[in-house]
Amino acid sequence: MTLDQTLAEVARLSVCLSAREDRLRYFPKTLPAELLSGLAAHKAELLDLLYEYDERAAIYEYDGGLCRDDAEALARLEIFGWARKSTPQNRV
């Protein structure tokens, strides 16, 4: 499973991902085996994206003066939209 396929499946199943230090956390705890494999295979990339997302949302909120919801929405589009366009093959 590619990174983009993993992100698409996370979105399709409404999985909540978060990063805590070097740990990737997800909810719900029961996920399909293929998705768990994708999360494990792309853990470092996912952690980088999550930290980048948090940083971008904070910048939009504190420096840009946006409310947290708007800051997170804009960061989500910027970071995860970029991730889906960053590899040569076409994504979902």
PDB file of N, CA and C in Angstrom:
ATOM      1  N   MET A   1       0.857  -1.171   0.000  1.00  0.00           N
ATOM      2  CA  MET A   1       0.000   0.000   0.000  1.00  0.00           C
ATOM      3  C   MET A   1       0.904   1.236   0.000  1.00  0.00           C
ATOM      4  N   THR A   2       0.656   2.139  -0.942  1.00  0.00           N
ATOM      5  CA  THR A   2       1.448   3.364  -1.017  1.00  0.00           C
ATOM      6  C   THR A   2       1.011   4.339   0.075  1.00  0.00           C
ATOM      7  N   LEU A   3       1.783   5.397   0.236  1.00  0.00           N
ATOM      8  CA  LEU A   3       1.412   6.429   1.207  1.00  0.00           C
ATOM      9  C   LEU A   3       0.059   7.025   0.851  1.00  0.00           C
ATOM     10  N   ASP A   4      -0.144   7.328  -0.420  1.00  0.00           N
ATOM     11  CA  ASP A   4      -1.423   7.915  -0.834  1.00  0.00           C
ATOM     12  C   ASP A   4      -2.587   6.961  -0.615  1.00  0.00           C
ATOM     13  N   GLN A   5      -2.382   5.691  -0.890  1.00  0.00           N
ATOM     14  CA  GLN A   5      -3.435   4.706  -0.644  1.00  0.00           C
ATOM     15  C   GLN A   5      -3.732   4.608   0.847  1.00  0.00           C
ATOM     16  N   THR A   6      -2.691   4.677   1.648  1.00  0.00           N
ATOM     17  CA  THR A   6      -2.868   4.645   3.100  1.00  0.00           C
ATOM     18  C   THR A   6      -3.670   5.854   3.560  1.00  0.00           C
ATOM     19  N   LEU A   7      -3.306   7.046   3.079  1.00  0.00           N
ATOM     20  CA  LEU A   7      -4.037   8.265   3.456  1.00  0.00           C
ATOM     21  C   LEU A   7      -5.483   8.210   2.977  1.00  0.00           C
ATOM     22  N   ALA A   8      -5.708   7.679   1.775  1.00  0.00           N
ATOM     23  CA  ALA A   8      -7.070   7.567   1.252  1.00  0.00           C
ATOM     24  C   ALA A   8      -7.902   6.617   2.108  1.00  0.00           C
ATOM     25  N   GLU A   9      -7.311   5.519   2.527  1.00  0.00           N
ATOM     26  CA  GLU A   9      -8.028   4.550   3.367  1.00  0.00           C
ATOM     27  C   GLU A   9      -8.296   5.122   4.759  1.00  0.00           C
ATOM     28  N   VAL A  10      -7.343   5.859   5.296  1.00  0.00           N
ATOM     29  CA  VAL A  10      -7.541   6.547   6.583  1.00  0.00           C
ATOM     30  C   VAL A  10      -8.743   7.485   6.475  1.00  0.00           C
ATOM     31  N   ALA A  11      -8.805   8.250   5.390  1.00  0.00           N
ATOM     32  CA  ALA A  11      -9.920   9.179   5.196  1.00  0.00           C
ATOM     33  C   ALA A  11     -11.231   8.423   4.992  1.00  0.00           C
ATOM     34  N   ARG A  12     -11.210   7.376   4.174  1.00  0.00           N
ATOM     35  CA  ARG A  12     -12.423   6.611   3.884  1.00  0.00           C
ATOM     36  C   ARG A  12     -13.024   5.997   5.144  1.00  0.00           C
ATOM     37  N   LEU A  13     -12.157   5.521   6.036  1.00  0.00           N
ATOM     38  CA  LEU A  13     -12.623   4.881   7.269  1.00  0.00           C
ATOM     39  C   LEU A  13     -12.763   5.861   8.435  1.00  0.00           C
ATOM     40  N   SER A  14     -12.521   7.145   8.177  1.00  0.00           N
ATOM     41  CA  SER A  14     -12.591   8.187   9.211  1.00  0.00           C
ATOM     42  C   SER A  14     -11.712   7.855  10.411  1.00  0.00           C
ATOM     43  N   VAL A  15     -10.503   7.403  10.122  1.00  0.00           N
ATOM     44  CA  VAL A  15      -9.538   7.084  11.174  1.00  0.00           C
ATOM     45  C   VAL A  15      -8.899   8.383  11.642  1.00  0.00           C
ATOM     46  N   CYS A  16      -8.781   8.541  12.934  1.00  0.00           N
ATOM     47  CA  CYS A  16      -8.122   9.711  13.515  1.00  0.00           C
ATOM     48  C   CYS A  16      -6.668   9.342  13.793  1.00  0.00           C
ATOM     49  N   LEU A  17      -5.733  10.043  13.136  1.00  0.00           N
ATOM     50  CA  LEU A  17      -4.305   9.828  13.356  1.00  0.00           C
ATOM     51  C   LEU A  17      -3.748  10.950  14.204  1.00  0.00           C
ATOM     52  N   SER A  18      -2.817  10.619  15.073  1.00  0.00           N
ATOM     53  CA  SER A  18      -2.101  11.640  15.838  1.00  0.00           C
ATOM     54  C   SER A  18      -0.688  11.147  16.107  1.00  0.00           C
ATOM     55  N   ALA A  19       0.179  12.101  16.413  1.00  0.00           N
ATOM     56  CA  ALA A  19       1.580  11.787  16.690  1.00  0.00           C
ATOM     57  C   ALA A  19       1.905  12.201  18.113  1.00  0.00           C
ATOM     58  N   ARG A  20       2.608  11.334  18.795  1.00  0.00           N
ATOM     59  CA  ARG A  20       3.113  11.661  20.126  1.00  0.00           C
ATOM     60  C   ARG A  20       4.550  11.177  20.173  1.00  0.00           C
ATOM     61  N   GLU A  21       5.473  12.147  20.130  1.00  0.00           N
ATOM     62  CA  GLU A  21       6.905  11.858  20.039  1.00  0.00           C
ATOM     63  C   GLU A  21       7.148  10.994  18.812  1.00  0.00           C
ATOM     64  N   ASP A  22       7.665   9.790  18.970  1.00  0.00           N
ATOM     65  CA  ASP A  22       7.928   8.945  17.804  1.00  0.00           C
ATOM     66  C   ASP A  22       6.873   7.853  17.632  1.00  0.00           C
ATOM     67  N   ARG A  23       5.702   8.071  18.237  1.00  0.00           N
ATOM     68  CA  ARG A  23       4.622   7.082  18.159  1.00  0.00           C
ATOM     69  C   ARG A  23       3.486   7.597  17.299  1.00  0.00           C
ATOM     70  N   LEU A  24       2.999   6.737  16.439  1.00  0.00           N
ATOM     71  CA  LEU A  24       1.835   7.030  15.616  1.00  0.00           C
ATOM     72  C   LEU A  24       0.631   6.424  16.316  1.00  0.00           C
ATOM     73  N   ARG A  25      -0.333   7.259  16.640  1.00  0.00           N
ATOM     74  CA  ARG A  25      -1.538   6.784  17.321  1.00  0.00           C
ATOM     75  C   ARG A  25      -2.706   6.861  16.348  1.00  0.00           C
ATOM     76  N   TYR A  26      -3.658   5.952  16.521  1.00  0.00           N
ATOM     77  CA  TYR A  26      -4.827   5.936  15.647  1.00  0.00           C
ATOM     78  C   TYR A  26      -6.046   5.461  16.429  1.00  0.00           C
ATOM     79  N   PHE A  27      -7.191   5.934  15.984  1.00  0.00           N
ATOM     80  CA  PHE A  27      -8.464   5.540  16.562  1.00  0.00           C
ATOM     81  C   PHE A  27      -9.451   5.409  15.415  1.00  0.00           C
ATOM     82  N   PRO A  28     -10.226   4.370  15.353  1.00  0.00           N
ATOM     83  CA  PRO A  28     -10.382   3.295  16.321  1.00  0.00           C
ATOM     84  C   PRO A  28      -9.181   2.353  16.315  1.00  0.00           C
ATOM     85  N   LYS A  29      -9.059   1.594  17.386  1.00  0.00           N
ATOM     86  CA  LYS A  29      -7.916   0.691  17.550  1.00  0.00           C
ATOM     87  C   LYS A  29      -8.005  -0.547  16.658  1.00  0.00           C
ATOM     88  N   THR A  30      -9.198  -0.910  16.230  1.00  0.00           N
ATOM     89  CA  THR A  30      -9.370  -2.071  15.361  1.00  0.00           C
ATOM     90  C   THR A  30      -9.456  -1.593  13.919  1.00  0.00           C
ATOM     91  N   LEU A  31      -8.411  -1.906  13.141  1.00  0.00           N
ATOM     92  CA  LEU A  31      -8.337  -1.492  11.741  1.00  0.00           C
ATOM     93  C   LEU A  31      -8.048  -2.710  10.873  1.00  0.00           C
ATOM     94  N   PRO A  32      -8.405  -2.627   9.576  1.00  0.00           N
ATOM     95  CA  PRO A  32      -8.078  -3.733   8.673  1.00  0.00           C
ATOM     96  C   PRO A  32      -6.565  -3.985   8.628  1.00  0.00           C
ATOM     97  N   ALA A  33      -6.191  -5.240   8.459  1.00  0.00           N
ATOM     98  CA  ALA A  33      -4.773  -5.628   8.449  1.00  0.00           C
ATOM     99  C   ALA A  33      -3.986  -4.874   7.385  1.00  0.00           C
ATOM    100  N   GLU A  34      -4.576  -4.682   6.211  1.00  0.00           N
ATOM    101  CA  GLU A  34      -3.866  -3.982   5.133  1.00  0.00           C
ATOM    102  C   GLU A  34      -3.568  -2.535   5.525  1.00  0.00           C
ATOM    103  N   LEU A  35      -4.502  -1.885   6.192  1.00  0.00           N
ATOM    104  CA  LEU A  35      -4.266  -0.512   6.631  1.00  0.00           C
ATOM    105  C   LEU A  35      -3.200  -0.475   7.720  1.00  0.00           C
ATOM    106  N   LEU A  36      -3.245  -1.399   8.650  1.00  0.00           N
ATOM    107  CA  LEU A  36      -2.205  -1.463   9.688  1.00  0.00           C
ATOM    108  C   LEU A  36      -0.825  -1.641   9.062  1.00  0.00           C
ATOM    109  N   SER A  37      -0.760  -2.457   8.031  1.00  0.00           N
ATOM    110  CA  SER A  37       0.504  -2.662   7.316  1.00  0.00           C
ATOM    111  C   SER A  37       0.954  -1.366   6.645  1.00  0.00           C
ATOM    112  N   GLY A  38       0.022  -0.639   6.036  1.00  0.00           N
ATOM    113  CA  GLY A  38       0.347   0.642   5.408  1.00  0.00           C
ATOM    114  C   GLY A  38       0.805   1.672   6.419  1.00  0.00           C
ATOM    115  N   LEU A  39       0.155   1.708   7.569  1.00  0.00           N
ATOM    116  CA  LEU A  39       0.561   2.643   8.623  1.00  0.00           C
ATOM    117  C   LEU A  39       1.972   2.326   9.110  1.00  0.00           C
ATOM    118  N   ALA A  40       2.266   1.048   9.272  1.00  0.00           N
ATOM    119  CA  ALA A  40       3.601   0.650   9.726  1.00  0.00           C
ATOM    120  C   ALA A  40       4.658   0.964   8.670  1.00  0.00           C
ATOM    121  N   ALA A  41       4.331   0.696   7.411  1.00  0.00           N
ATOM    122  CA  ALA A  41       5.289   0.913   6.327  1.00  0.00           C
ATOM    123  C   ALA A  41       5.614   2.389   6.127  1.00  0.00           C
ATOM    124  N   HIS A  42       4.654   3.259   6.399  1.00  0.00           N
ATOM    125  CA  HIS A  42       4.822   4.695   6.146  1.00  0.00           C
ATOM    126  C   HIS A  42       4.842   5.518   7.428  1.00  0.00           C
ATOM    127  N   LYS A  43       5.166   4.874   8.542  1.00  0.00           N
ATOM    128  CA  LYS A  43       5.127   5.541   9.846  1.00  0.00           C
ATOM    129  C   LYS A  43       5.943   6.830   9.863  1.00  0.00           C
ATOM    130  N   ALA A  44       7.172   6.788   9.402  1.00  0.00           N
ATOM    131  CA  ALA A  44       8.034   7.975   9.444  1.00  0.00           C
ATOM    132  C   ALA A  44       7.442   9.112   8.616  1.00  0.00           C
ATOM    133  N   GLU A  45       6.940   8.789   7.425  1.00  0.00           N
ATOM    134  CA  GLU A  45       6.341   9.812   6.568  1.00  0.00           C
ATOM    135  C   GLU A  45       5.074  10.383   7.202  1.00  0.00           C
ATOM    136  N   LEU A  46       4.261   9.512   7.784  1.00  0.00           N
ATOM    137  CA  LEU A  46       3.031   9.967   8.430  1.00  0.00           C
ATOM    138  C   LEU A  46       3.332  10.852   9.634  1.00  0.00           C
ATOM    139  N   LEU A  47       4.317  10.474  10.430  1.00  0.00           N
ATOM    140  CA  LEU A  47       4.707  11.317  11.567  1.00  0.00           C
ATOM    141  C   LEU A  47       5.172  12.685  11.085  1.00  0.00           C
ATOM    142  N   ASP A  48       5.977  12.712  10.025  1.00  0.00           N
ATOM    143  CA  ASP A  48       6.431  13.992   9.464  1.00  0.00           C
ATOM    144  C   ASP A  48       5.252  14.844   9.021  1.00  0.00           C
ATOM    145  N   LEU A  49       4.295  14.231   8.326  1.00  0.00           N
ATOM    146  CA  LEU A  49       3.118  14.967   7.863  1.00  0.00           C
ATOM    147  C   LEU A  49       2.293  15.493   9.033  1.00  0.00           C
ATOM    148  N   LEU A  50       2.126  14.678  10.066  1.00  0.00           N
ATOM    149  CA  LEU A  50       1.341  15.106  11.225  1.00  0.00           C
ATOM    150  C   LEU A  50       2.009  16.253  11.972  1.00  0.00           C
ATOM    151  N   TYR A  51       3.326  16.196  12.131  1.00  0.00           N
ATOM    152  CA  TYR A  51       4.033  17.296  12.791  1.00  0.00           C
ATOM    153  C   TYR A  51       3.985  18.559  11.934  1.00  0.00           C
ATOM    154  N   GLU A  52       4.109  18.384  10.626  1.00  0.00           N
ATOM    155  CA  GLU A  52       4.029  19.528   9.717  1.00  0.00           C
ATOM    156  C   GLU A  52       2.626  20.146   9.761  1.00  0.00           C
ATOM    157  N   TYR A  53       1.612  19.297   9.812  1.00  0.00           N
ATOM    158  CA  TYR A  53       0.228  19.755   9.917  1.00  0.00           C
ATOM    159  C   TYR A  53       0.019  20.570  11.197  1.00  0.00           C
ATOM    160  N   ASP A  54       0.481  20.047  12.329  1.00  0.00           N
ATOM    161  CA  ASP A  54       0.335  20.764  13.604  1.00  0.00           C
ATOM    162  C   ASP A  54       1.034  22.116  13.562  1.00  0.00           C
ATOM    163  N   GLU A  55       2.236  22.135  12.999  1.00  0.00           N
ATOM    164  CA  GLU A  55       2.986  23.388  12.917  1.00  0.00           C
ATOM    165  C   GLU A  55       2.281  24.398  12.017  1.00  0.00           C
ATOM    166  N   ARG A  56       1.812  23.942  10.864  1.00  0.00           N
ATOM    167  CA  ARG A  56       1.135  24.833   9.913  1.00  0.00           C
ATOM    168  C   ARG A  56      -0.158  25.364  10.520  1.00  0.00           C
ATOM    169  N   ALA A  57      -0.930  24.520  11.198  1.00  0.00           N
ATOM    170  CA  ALA A  57      -2.172  24.966  11.829  1.00  0.00           C
ATOM    171  C   ALA A  57      -1.886  26.019  12.894  1.00  0.00           C
ATOM    172  N   ALA A  58      -0.828  25.821  13.674  1.00  0.00           N
ATOM    173  CA  ALA A  58      -0.464  26.805  14.704  1.00  0.00           C
ATOM    174  C   ALA A  58      -0.072  28.134  14.074  1.00  0.00           C
ATOM    175  N   ILE A  59       0.658  28.089  12.979  1.00  0.00           N
ATOM    176  CA  ILE A  59       1.051  29.325  12.287  1.00  0.00           C
ATOM    177  C   ILE A  59      -0.182  30.063  11.787  1.00  0.00           C
ATOM    178  N   TYR A  60      -1.103  29.333  11.152  1.00  0.00           N
ATOM    179  CA  TYR A  60      -2.330  29.971  10.661  1.00  0.00           C
ATOM    180  C   TYR A  60      -3.144  30.567  11.808  1.00  0.00           C
ATOM    181  N   GLU A  61      -3.172  29.863  12.933  1.00  0.00           N
ATOM    182  CA  GLU A  61      -3.963  30.340  14.068  1.00  0.00           C
ATOM    183  C   GLU A  61      -3.318  31.545  14.741  1.00  0.00           C
ATOM    184  N   TYR A  62      -2.058  31.430  15.103  1.00  0.00           N
ATOM    185  CA  TYR A  62      -1.426  32.478  15.915  1.00  0.00           C
ATOM    186  C   TYR A  62      -0.863  33.626  15.087  1.00  0.00           C
ATOM    187  N   ASP A  63      -0.209  33.313  13.985  1.00  0.00           N
ATOM    188  CA  ASP A  63       0.339  34.382  13.149  1.00  0.00           C
ATOM    189  C   ASP A  63      -0.693  34.918  12.169  1.00  0.00           C
ATOM    190  N   GLY A  64      -1.577  34.031  11.706  1.00  0.00           N
ATOM    191  CA  GLY A  64      -2.566  34.435  10.715  1.00  0.00           C
ATOM    192  C   GLY A  64      -3.861  34.940  11.305  1.00  0.00           C
ATOM    193  N   GLY A  65      -4.063  34.724  12.604  1.00  0.00           N
ATOM    194  CA  GLY A  65      -5.261  35.217  13.263  1.00  0.00           C
ATOM    195  C   GLY A  65      -6.520  34.420  12.961  1.00  0.00           C
ATOM    196  N   LEU A  66      -6.384  33.206  12.449  1.00  0.00           N
ATOM    197  CA  LEU A  66      -7.560  32.394  12.161  1.00  0.00           C
ATOM    198  C   LEU A  66      -8.018  31.653  13.415  1.00  0.00           C
ATOM    199  N   CYS A  67      -9.307  31.318  13.458  1.00  0.00           N
ATOM    200  CA  CYS A  67      -9.776  30.462  14.548  1.00  0.00           C
ATOM    201  C   CYS A  67      -9.175  29.070  14.338  1.00  0.00           C
ATOM    202  N   ARG A  68      -9.127  28.267  15.384  1.00  0.00           N
ATOM    203  CA  ARG A  68      -8.465  26.961  15.307  1.00  0.00           C
ATOM    204  C   ARG A  68      -9.079  26.061  14.241  1.00  0.00           C
ATOM    205  N   ASP A  69     -10.414  26.043  14.144  1.00  0.00           N
ATOM    206  CA  ASP A  69     -11.064  25.189  13.146  1.00  0.00           C
ATOM    207  C   ASP A  69     -10.642  25.561  11.731  1.00  0.00           C
ATOM    208  N   ASP A  70     -10.634  26.869  11.428  1.00  0.00           N
ATOM    209  CA  ASP A  70     -10.220  27.320  10.096  1.00  0.00           C
ATOM    210  C   ASP A  70      -8.743  27.046   9.855  1.00  0.00           C
ATOM    211  N   ALA A  71      -7.924  27.248  10.878  1.00  0.00           N
ATOM    212  CA  ALA A  71      -6.488  26.997  10.754  1.00  0.00           C
ATOM    213  C   ALA A  71      -6.231  25.521  10.460  1.00  0.00           C
ATOM    214  N   GLU A  72      -6.936  24.634  11.152  1.00  0.00           N
ATOM    215  CA  GLU A  72      -6.761  23.199  10.920  1.00  0.00           C
ATOM    216  C   GLU A  72      -7.252  22.796   9.536  1.00  0.00           C
ATOM    217  N   ALA A  73      -8.373  23.367   9.104  1.00  0.00           N
ATOM    218  CA  ALA A  73      -8.896  23.041   7.776  1.00  0.00           C
ATOM    219  C   ALA A  73      -7.919  23.459   6.684  1.00  0.00           C
ATOM    220  N   LEU A  74      -7.362  24.649   6.805  1.00  0.00           N
ATOM    221  CA  LEU A  74      -6.400  25.132   5.816  1.00  0.00           C
ATOM    222  C   LEU A  74      -5.117  24.302   5.849  1.00  0.00           C
ATOM    223  N   ALA A  75      -4.643  23.975   7.032  1.00  0.00           N
ATOM    224  CA  ALA A  75      -3.444  23.138   7.164  1.00  0.00           C
ATOM    225  C   ALA A  75      -3.691  21.752   6.571  1.00  0.00           C
ATOM    226  N   ARG A  76      -4.878  21.202   6.797  1.00  0.00           N
ATOM    227  CA  ARG A  76      -5.218  19.881   6.263  1.00  0.00           C
ATOM    228  C   ARG A  76      -5.162  19.889   4.739  1.00  0.00           C
ATOM    229  N   LEU A  77      -5.733  20.925   4.134  1.00  0.00           N
ATOM    230  CA  LEU A  77      -5.690  21.031   2.677  1.00  0.00           C
ATOM    231  C   LEU A  77      -4.268  21.191   2.172  1.00  0.00           C
ATOM    232  N   GLU A  78      -3.508  22.039   2.825  1.00  0.00           N
ATOM    233  CA  GLU A  78      -2.143  22.303   2.380  1.00  0.00           C
ATOM    234  C   GLU A  78      -1.239  21.085   2.552  1.00  0.00           C
ATOM    235  N   ILE A  79      -1.219  20.500   3.718  1.00  0.00           N
ATOM    236  CA  ILE A  79      -0.288  19.411   4.007  1.00  0.00           C
ATOM    237  C   ILE A  79      -0.727  18.105   3.358  1.00  0.00           C
ATOM    238  N   PHE A  80      -1.955  17.690   3.575  1.00  0.00           N
ATOM    239  CA  PHE A  80      -2.375  16.400   3.052  1.00  0.00           C
ATOM    240  C   PHE A  80      -2.721  16.473   1.575  1.00  0.00           C
ATOM    241  N   GLY A  81      -3.120  17.630   1.087  1.00  0.00           N
ATOM    242  CA  GLY A  81      -3.283  17.811  -0.353  1.00  0.00           C
ATOM    243  C   GLY A  81      -1.945  17.720  -1.054  1.00  0.00           C
ATOM    244  N   TRP A  82      -0.902  18.314  -0.441  1.00  0.00           N
ATOM    245  CA  TRP A  82       0.448  18.253  -0.999  1.00  0.00           C
ATOM    246  C   TRP A  82       0.952  16.821  -1.008  1.00  0.00           C
ATOM    247  N   ALA A  83       0.699  16.079   0.045  1.00  0.00           N
ATOM    248  CA  ALA A  83       1.182  14.697   0.138  1.00  0.00           C
ATOM    249  C   ALA A  83       0.599  13.851  -0.983  1.00  0.00           C
ATOM    250  N   ARG A  84      -0.619  14.117  -1.346  1.00  0.00           N
ATOM    251  CA  ARG A  84      -1.266  13.323  -2.384  1.00  0.00           C
ATOM    252  C   ARG A  84      -0.741  13.675  -3.765  1.00  0.00           C
ATOM    253  N   LYS A  85      -0.115  14.838  -3.926  1.00  0.00           N
ATOM    254  CA  LYS A  85       0.412  15.240  -5.228  1.00  0.00           C
ATOM    255  C   LYS A  85       1.917  15.045  -5.333  1.00  0.00           C
ATOM    256  N   SER A  86       2.549  14.542  -4.291  1.00  0.00           N
ATOM    257  CA  SER A  86       4.003  14.525  -4.238  1.00  0.00           C
ATOM    258  C   SER A  86       4.660  13.325  -4.911  1.00  0.00           C
ATOM    259  N   THR A  87       3.887  12.347  -5.325  1.00  0.00           N
ATOM    260  CA  THR A  87       4.472  11.182  -5.971  1.00  0.00           C
ATOM    261  C   THR A  87       3.992  11.090  -7.410  1.00  0.00           C
ATOM    262  N   PRO A  88       4.714  10.407  -8.268  1.00  0.00           N
ATOM    263  CA  PRO A  88       4.410  10.405  -9.693  1.00  0.00           C
ATOM    264  C   PRO A  88       3.065   9.781 -10.064  1.00  0.00           C
ATOM    265  N   GLN A  89       2.669   8.685  -9.429  1.00  0.00           N
ATOM    266  CA  GLN A  89       1.430   8.035  -9.836  1.00  0.00           C
ATOM    267  C   GLN A  89       0.211   8.821  -9.369  1.00  0.00           C
ATOM    268  N   ASN A  90      -0.855   8.680 -10.108  1.00  0.00           N
ATOM    269  CA  ASN A  90      -2.093   9.396  -9.792  1.00  0.00           C
ATOM    270  C   ASN A  90      -2.776   8.735  -8.600  1.00  0.00           C
ATOM    271  N   ARG A  91      -3.367   9.538  -7.742  1.00  0.00           N
ATOM    272  CA  ARG A  91      -4.005   9.029  -6.536  1.00  0.00           C
ATOM    273  C   ARG A  91      -5.517   9.030  -6.652  1.00  0.00           C
ATOM    274  N   VAL A  92      -6.113   8.558  -5.604  1.00  0.00           N
ATOM    275  CA  VAL A  92      -7.572   8.508  -5.482  1.00  0.00           C
ATOM    276  C   VAL A  92      -8.131   9.904  -5.596  1.00  0.00           C
TER     277      VAL A  92
END
